[in-house]
C-alpha atoms as a PDB file:
ATOM      1  CA  MET A   1       0.000   0.000   0.000  1.00  0.00           C
ATOM      2  CA  LYS A   2       2.810   2.421   0.878  1.00  0.00           C
ATOM      3  CA  LYS A   3       4.545   1.712  -2.451  1.00  0.00           C
ATOM      4  CA  PHE A   4       1.297   2.439  -4.270  1.00  0.00           C
ATOM      5  CA  LEU A   5       0.859   5.758  -2.454  1.00  0.00           C
ATOM      6  CA  ILE A   6       4.451   6.794  -3.116  1.00  0.00           C
ATOM      7  CA  VAL A   7       4.132   5.952  -6.818  1.00  0.00           C
ATOM      8  CA  LEU A   8       0.794   7.757  -6.997  1.00  0.00           C
ATOM      9  CA  ALA A   9       2.254  10.796  -5.220  1.00  0.00           C
ATOM     10  CA  ALA A  10       5.271  10.885  -7.540  1.00  0.00           C
ATOM     11  CA  THR A  11       3.031  10.550 -10.609  1.00  0.00           C
ATOM     12  CA  THR A  12       0.787  13.266  -9.256  1.00  0.00           C
ATOM     13  CA  MET A  13       3.691  15.665  -8.722  1.00  0.00           C
ATOM     14  CA  LEU A  14       4.897  15.154 -12.289  1.00  0.00           C
ATOM     15  CA  THR A  15       1.540  16.052 -13.831  1.00  0.00           C
ATOM     16  CA  GLY A  16       1.707  19.746 -12.931  1.00  0.00           C
ATOM     17  CA  GLY A  17       0.957  22.121 -10.077  1.00  0.00           C
ATOM     18  CA  ALA A  18      -2.796  22.670  -9.971  1.00  0.00           C
ATOM     19  CA  MET A  19      -3.659  19.233 -11.279  1.00  0.00           C
ATOM     20  CA  ALA A  20      -1.310  17.570  -8.763  1.00  0.00           C
ATOM     21  CA  GLN A  21      -3.040  19.211  -5.824  1.00  0.00           C
ATOM     22  CA  SER A  22      -6.506  18.338  -7.099  1.00  0.00           C
ATOM     23  CA  LEU A  23      -5.636  14.719  -7.777  1.00  0.00           C
ATOM     24  CA  GLY A  24      -3.790  14.518  -4.469  1.00  0.00           C
ATOM     25  CA  GLU A  25      -6.841  15.744  -2.558  1.00  0.00           C
ATOM     26  CA  GLN A  26      -9.241  13.555  -4.518  1.00  0.00           C
ATOM     27  CA  THR A  27      -7.256  10.389  -3.883  1.00  0.00           C
ATOM     28  CA  GLY A  28      -6.325  11.192  -0.289  1.00  0.00           C
ATOM     29  CA  VAL A  29      -2.602  11.117  -1.080  1.00  0.00           C
ATOM     30  CA  ASN A  30      -2.108  14.665   0.211  1.00  0.00           C
ATOM     31  CA  SER A  31      -3.623  13.712   3.541  1.00  0.00           C
ATOM     32  CA  VAL A  32      -1.473  10.597   3.880  1.00  0.00           C
ATOM     33  CA  LEU A  33       1.683  12.538   2.982  1.00  0.00           C
ATOM     34  CA  GLY A  34       0.726  15.621   5.008  1.00  0.00           C
ATOM     35  CA  VAL A  35       0.804  17.870   1.921  1.00  0.00           C
ATOM     36  CA  ALA A  36      -1.091  21.164   2.140  1.00  0.00           C
ATOM     37  CA  PRO A  37      -3.964  21.472  -0.339  1.00  0.00           C
ATOM     38  CA  SER A  38      -4.017  24.248  -2.907  1.00  0.00           C
ATOM     39  CA  THR A  39      -6.206  27.210  -2.020  1.00  0.00           C
ATOM     40  CA  ALA A  40      -8.779  26.152  -4.631  1.00  0.00           C
ATOM     41  CA  ASP A  41      -8.914  22.606  -3.230  1.00  0.00           C
ATOM     42  CA  PHE A  42      -9.091  23.834   0.350  1.00  0.00           C
ATOM     43  CA  VAL A  43     -11.988  26.195  -0.381  1.00  0.00           C
ATOM     44  CA  LYS A  44     -13.876  23.532  -2.343  1.00  0.00           C
ATOM     45  CA  GLU A  45     -13.389  20.865   0.340  1.00  0.00           C
ATOM     46  CA  ALA A  46     -14.130  23.188   3.270  1.00  0.00           C
ATOM     47  CA  ALA A  47     -17.260  24.648   1.653  1.00  0.00           C
ATOM     48  CA  THR A  48     -18.551  21.223   0.585  1.00  0.00           C
ATOM     49  CA  SER A  49     -17.904  19.889   4.086  1.00  0.00           C
ATOM     50  CA  ASP A  50     -19.880  22.768   5.618  1.00  0.00           C
ATOM     51  CA  MET A  51     -22.810  22.240   3.232  1.00  0.00           C
ATOM     52  CA  LEU A  52     -22.827  18.499   3.936  1.00  0.00           C
ATOM     53  CA  GLU A  53     -22.581  18.958   7.718  1.00  0.00           C
ATOM     54  CA  ILE A  54     -25.541  21.338   7.722  1.00  0.00           C
ATOM     55  CA  ALA A  55     -27.679  19.132   5.461  1.00  0.00           C
ATOM     56  CA  ALA A  56     -26.780  15.967   7.425  1.00  0.00           C
ATOM     57  CA  ALA A  57     -27.536  17.716  10.720  1.00  0.00           C
ATOM     58  CA  LYS A  58     -30.999  18.694   9.486  1.00  0.00           C
ATOM     59  CA  ILE A  59     -31.705  15.030   8.759  1.00  0.00           C
ATOM     60  CA  ALA A  60     -30.301  14.074  12.177  1.00  0.00           C
ATOM     61  CA  GLN A  61     -32.705  16.503  13.839  1.00  0.00           C
ATOM     62  CA  GLN A  62     -35.563  14.521  12.279  1.00  0.00           C
ATOM     63  CA  LYS A  63     -34.265  10.944  12.580  1.00  0.00           C
ATOM     64  CA  GLY A  64     -31.672  11.034  15.339  1.00  0.00           C
ATOM     65  CA  ASN A  65     -31.799  10.237  19.028  1.00  0.00           C
ATOM     66  CA  ASP A  66     -31.397  12.945  21.694  1.00  0.00           C
ATOM     67  CA  ALA A  67     -27.583  12.896  21.533  1.00  0.00           C
ATOM     68  CA  GLU A  68     -27.584  13.199  17.747  1.00  0.00           C
ATOM     69  CA  LYS A  69     -30.141  16.005  17.799  1.00  0.00           C
ATOM     70  CA  LYS A  70     -28.020  17.954  20.286  1.00  0.00           C
ATOM     71  CA  PHE A  71     -24.868  17.314  18.228  1.00  0.00           C
ATOM     72  CA  ALA A  72     -26.728  18.284  15.038  1.00  0.00           C
ATOM     73  CA  GLY A  73     -27.792  21.601  16.541  1.00  0.00           C
ATOM     74  CA  GLU A  74     -24.177  22.470  17.272  1.00  0.00           C
ATOM     75  CA  MET A  75     -23.136  21.371  13.770  1.00  0.00           C
ATOM     76  CA  ILE A  76     -25.707  23.666  12.161  1.00  0.00           C
ATOM     77  CA  THR A  77     -24.622  26.641  14.280  1.00  0.00           C
ATOM     78  CA  ASP A  78     -20.865  26.149  13.903  1.00  0.00           C
ATOM     79  CA  HIS A  79     -20.792  25.119  10.239  1.00  0.00           C
ATOM     80  CA  THR A  80     -23.117  27.986   9.283  1.00  0.00           C
ATOM     81  CA  LYS A  81     -20.602  30.370  10.902  1.00  0.00           C
ATOM     82  CA  THR A  82     -17.613  28.824   9.104  1.00  0.00           C
ATOM     83  CA  SER A  83     -19.513  28.744   5.821  1.00  0.00           C
ATOM     84  CA  GLU A  84     -20.355  32.452   6.112  1.00  0.00           C
ATOM     85  CA  ALA A  85     -16.768  33.331   7.098  1.00  0.00           C
ATOM     86  CA  LEU A  86     -15.323  31.417   4.142  1.00  0.00           C
ATOM     87  CA  LYS A  87     -17.833  32.994   1.769  1.00  0.00           C
ATOM     88  CA  GLY A  88     -16.844  36.424   3.123  1.00  0.00           C
ATOM     89  CA  LEU A  89     -13.155  35.773   2.427  1.00  0.00           C
ATOM     90  CA  VAL A  90     -13.902  34.672  -1.141  1.00  0.00           C
ATOM     91  CA  THR A  91     -16.455  37.357  -2.049  1.00  0.00           C
ATOM     92  CA  SER A  92     -14.257  40.125  -0.600  1.00  0.00           C
ATOM     93  CA  GLY A  93     -11.463  39.111  -2.976  1.00  0.00           C
ATOM     94  CA  GLN A  94      -9.072  38.205  -0.152  1.00  0.00           C
ATOM     95  CA  VAL A  95      -9.135  34.596  -1.353  1.00  0.00           C
ATOM     96  CA  ASN A  96      -9.093  33.777  -5.055  1.00  0.00           C
ATOM     97  CA  ALA A  97     -11.192  30.617  -5.370  1.00  0.00           C
ATOM     98  CA  GLU A  98     -14.640  29.445  -6.394  1.00  0.00           C
ATOM     99  CA  LEU A  99     -17.226  28.317  -3.875  1.00  0.00           C
ATOM    100  CA  PRO A 100     -19.145  25.180  -4.859  1.00  0.00           C
ATOM    101  CA  THR A 101     -22.883  25.662  -5.320  1.00  0.00           C
ATOM    102  CA  GLN A 102     -23.854  21.997  -5.164  1.00  0.00           C
ATOM    103  CA  PHE A 103     -22.633  18.719  -3.716  1.00  0.00           C
ATOM    104  CA  ASP A 104     -20.078  16.613  -5.537  1.00  0.00           C
ATOM    105  CA  SER A 105     -21.022  12.963  -6.136  1.00  0.00           C
ATOM    106  CA  SER A 106     -19.290  11.734  -2.958  1.00  0.00           C
ATOM    107  CA  ALA A 107     -21.078  14.210  -0.687  1.00  0.00           C
ATOM    108  CA  GLN A 108     -24.395  13.564  -2.416  1.00  0.00           C
ATOM    109  CA  ALA A 109     -23.992   9.797  -1.903  1.00  0.00           C
ATOM    110  CA  LYS A 110     -23.438  10.346   1.844  1.00  0.00           C
ATOM    111  CA  LEU A 111     -26.486  12.563   2.077  1.00  0.00           C
ATOM    112  CA  ASP A 112     -28.579  10.029   0.127  1.00  0.00           C
ATOM    113  CA  LYS A 113     -27.463   7.289   2.537  1.00  0.00           C
ATOM    114  CA  LEU A 114     -28.614   9.350   5.528  1.00  0.00           C
ATOM    115  CA  THR A 115     -31.900  10.219   3.842  1.00  0.00           C
ATOM    116  CA  ALA A 116     -32.588   6.569   3.063  1.00  0.00           C
ATOM    117  CA  ALA A 117     -31.694   5.287   6.555  1.00  0.00           C
ATOM    118  CA  LYS A 118     -34.600   4.145   8.724  1.00  0.00           C
ATOM    119  CA  HIS A 119     -34.955   5.782  12.135  1.00  0.00           C
ATOM    120  CA  GLU A 120     -33.662   2.690  13.946  1.00  0.00           C
ATOM    121  CA  ASP A 121     -30.658   2.405  11.601  1.00  0.00           C
ATOM    122  CA  PHE A 122     -29.844   6.112  11.511  1.00  0.00           C
ATOM    123  CA  PRO A 123     -27.377   6.227  14.456  1.00  0.00           C
ATOM    124  CA  ALA A 124     -25.269   3.417  12.965  1.00  0.00           C
ATOM    125  CA  THR A 125     -25.045   5.423   9.728  1.00  0.00           C
ATOM    126  CA  TYR A 126     -24.742   8.997  11.012  1.00  0.00           C
ATOM    127  CA  ASP A 127     -22.398   8.563  13.996  1.00  0.00           C
ATOM    128  CA  PRO A 128     -19.451   6.867  12.245  1.00  0.00           C
ATOM    129  CA  MET A 129     -19.946   9.170   9.246  1.00  0.00           C
ATOM    130  CA  GLN A 130     -19.471  12.152  11.572  1.00  0.00           C
ATOM    131  CA  VAL A 131     -16.257  10.703  12.992  1.00  0.00           C
ATOM    132  CA  SER A 132     -14.880  10.136   9.500  1.00  0.00           C
ATOM    133  CA  ALA A 133     -15.995  13.566   8.236  1.00  0.00           C
ATOM    134  CA  HIS A 134     -14.414  15.397  11.149  1.00  0.00           C
ATOM    135  CA  LYS A 135     -11.152  13.440  10.921  1.00  0.00           C
ATOM    136  CA  ALA A 136     -10.973  14.524   7.276  1.00  0.00           C
ATOM    137  CA  ALA A 137     -11.837  18.140   8.167  1.00  0.00           C
ATOM    138  CA  VAL A 138      -9.210  18.285  10.929  1.00  0.00           C
ATOM    139  CA  SER A 139      -6.597  16.936   8.499  1.00  0.00           C
ATOM    140  CA  LEU A 140      -7.614  19.396   5.769  1.00  0.00           C
ATOM    141  CA  PHE A 141      -7.577  22.464   8.032  1.00  0.00           C
ATOM    142  CA  ASP A 142      -4.389  21.412   9.834  1.00  0.00           C
ATOM    143  CA  ARG A 143      -2.509  20.884   6.573  1.00  0.00           C
ATOM    144  CA  TYR A 144      -3.677  24.217   5.145  1.00  0.00           C
ATOM    145  CA  ALA A 145      -2.946  26.088   8.393  1.00  0.00           C
ATOM    146  CA  LYS A 146       0.630  24.770   8.305  1.00  0.00           C
ATOM    147  CA  GLY A 147       1.364  25.126   4.599  1.00  0.00           C
ATOM    148  CA  GLY A 148      -1.370  26.975   2.713  1.00  0.00           C
ATOM    149  CA  ASP A 149      -0.388  29.611   0.164  1.00  0.00           C
ATOM    150  CA  ASN A 150      -2.877  32.329   1.173  1.00  0.00           C
ATOM    151  CA  LYS A 151      -1.859  33.894   4.508  1.00  0.00           C
ATOM    152  CA  MET A 152      -5.334  35.183   5.371  1.00  0.00           C
ATOM    153  CA  LEU A 153      -6.970  31.808   4.626  1.00  0.00           C
ATOM    154  CA  GLN A 154      -4.143  30.050   6.455  1.00  0.00           C
ATOM    155  CA  ALA A 155      -4.855  32.137   9.581  1.00  0.00           C
ATOM    156  CA  TRP A 156      -8.589  31.426   9.281  1.00  0.00           C
ATOM    157  CA  ALA A 157      -7.918  27.683   8.974  1.00  0.00           C
ATOM    158  CA  ALA A 158      -5.752  27.787  12.111  1.00  0.00           C
ATOM    159  CA  LYS A 159      -8.428  29.742  13.987  1.00  0.00           C
ATOM    160  CA  THR A 160     -11.175  27.284  12.916  1.00  0.00           C
ATOM    161  CA  LEU A 161      -9.169  24.132  13.680  1.00  0.00           C
ATOM    162  CA  PRO A 162      -9.893  23.975  17.463  1.00  0.00           C
ATOM    163  CA  THR A 163     -13.652  23.963  16.780  1.00  0.00           C
ATOM    164  CA  LEU A 164     -13.259  21.083  14.319  1.00  0.00           C
ATOM    165  CA  LYS A 165     -11.140  19.155  16.815  1.00  0.00           C
ATOM    166  CA  HIS A 166     -13.874  19.688  19.412  1.00  0.00           C
ATOM    167  CA  HIS A 167     -16.445  18.376  16.913  1.00  0.00           C
ATOM    168  CA  LEU A 168     -14.271  15.296  16.360  1.00  0.00           C
ATOM    169  CA  VAL A 169     -14.123  14.612  20.113  1.00  0.00           C
ATOM    170  CA  MET A 170     -17.913  14.989  20.349  1.00  0.00           C
ATOM    171  CA  ALA A 171     -18.540  12.766  17.307  1.00  0.00           C
ATOM    172  CA  THR A 172     -16.163  10.094  18.618  1.00  0.00           C
ATOM    173  CA  LYS A 173     -17.885  10.050  22.015  1.00  0.00           C
ATOM    174  CA  MET A 174     -21.338   9.906  20.398  1.00  0.00           C
ATOM    175  CA  ASN A 175     -20.239   6.988  18.217  1.00  0.00           C
ATOM    176  CA  GLU A 176     -18.614   5.133  21.147  1.00  0.00           C
ATOM    177  CA  ASP A 177     -21.687   5.638  23.343  1.00  0.00           C
ATOM    178  CA  ARG A 178     -23.843   4.205  20.545  1.00  0.00           C
ATOM    179  CA  ARG A 179     -21.561   1.186  20.163  1.00  0.00           C
ATOM    180  CA  LEU A 180     -21.505   0.531  23.917  1.00  0.00           C
ATOM    181  CA  GLN A 181     -25.282   0.816  24.087  1.00  0.00           C
ATOM    182  CA  THR A 182     -25.641  -1.625  21.194  1.00  0.00           C
ATOM    183  CA  VAL A 183     -23.308  -4.110  22.912  1.00  0.00           C
ATOM    184  CA  GLY A 184     -25.169  -3.645  26.210  1.00  0.00           C
ATOM    185  CA  GLU A 185     -28.514  -4.258  24.544  1.00  0.00           C
ATOM    186  CA  ALA A 186     -27.168  -7.414  22.911  1.00  0.00           C
ATOM    187  CA  LYS A 187     -25.945  -8.737  26.286  1.00  0.00           C
ATOM    188  CA  THR A 188     -29.230  -8.036  28.071  1.00  0.00           C
ATOM    189  CA  ALA A 189     -31.469  -9.336  25.327  1.00  0.00           C
ATOM    190  CA  PRO A 190     -33.211 -12.560  26.323  1.00  0.00           C
ATOM    191  CA  ALA A 191     -31.814 -15.676  24.739  1.00  0.00           C
ATOM    192  CA  PRO A 192     -33.985 -17.120  22.002  1.00  0.00           C
ATOM    193  CA  ARG A 193     -36.378 -19.732  23.305  1.00  0.00           C
ATOM    194  CA  MET A 194     -35.688 -23.220  22.117  1.00  0.00           C
ATOM    195  CA  ASP A 195     -38.811 -25.334  22.443  1.00  0.00           C
ATOM    196  CA  ARG A 196     -38.245 -29.018  22.729  1.00  0.00           C
ATOM    197  CA  LYS A 197     -40.392 -31.341  20.756  1.00  0.00           C
END
């Protein structure tokens, strides 16, 4: 696996600046290697993440348990703030990048999965998805804060990072609590009755 990533990274670097960053972000190579995303990639990923978090949280407020509804409320508040701040940086001309106006296919697939989940299955879909999404967001913001090429956006990423790390801690706890509850329910469930004939 490491050889594959190294070969992919080397191939990516040879294909040119902007394309290398985009391919590196799309494949996850940049994250594995700790490479900062380009400004365009960072803005696209951060804005898409915000849109997805808000949309997913709205579904969680309908289908989730109490813990998920509380978490979702915080996600809507915090990701609305970061979305507005990022939009302000772009529209003011301080950051030269395009904001996405719709979900990419990956984000749309995640949203479709949440929409299709039954109430009883929703926690097992939403909770681990939140852990994964916030791990990716922490990596993205950390890498840009350390090596991004726009100083203003770099400072904003560094300022936003503690909130995302807090979200990751919350999502991890919510997911662990769900898993422990599921295990506890399995242990306390009555054994199936075996009638003798």
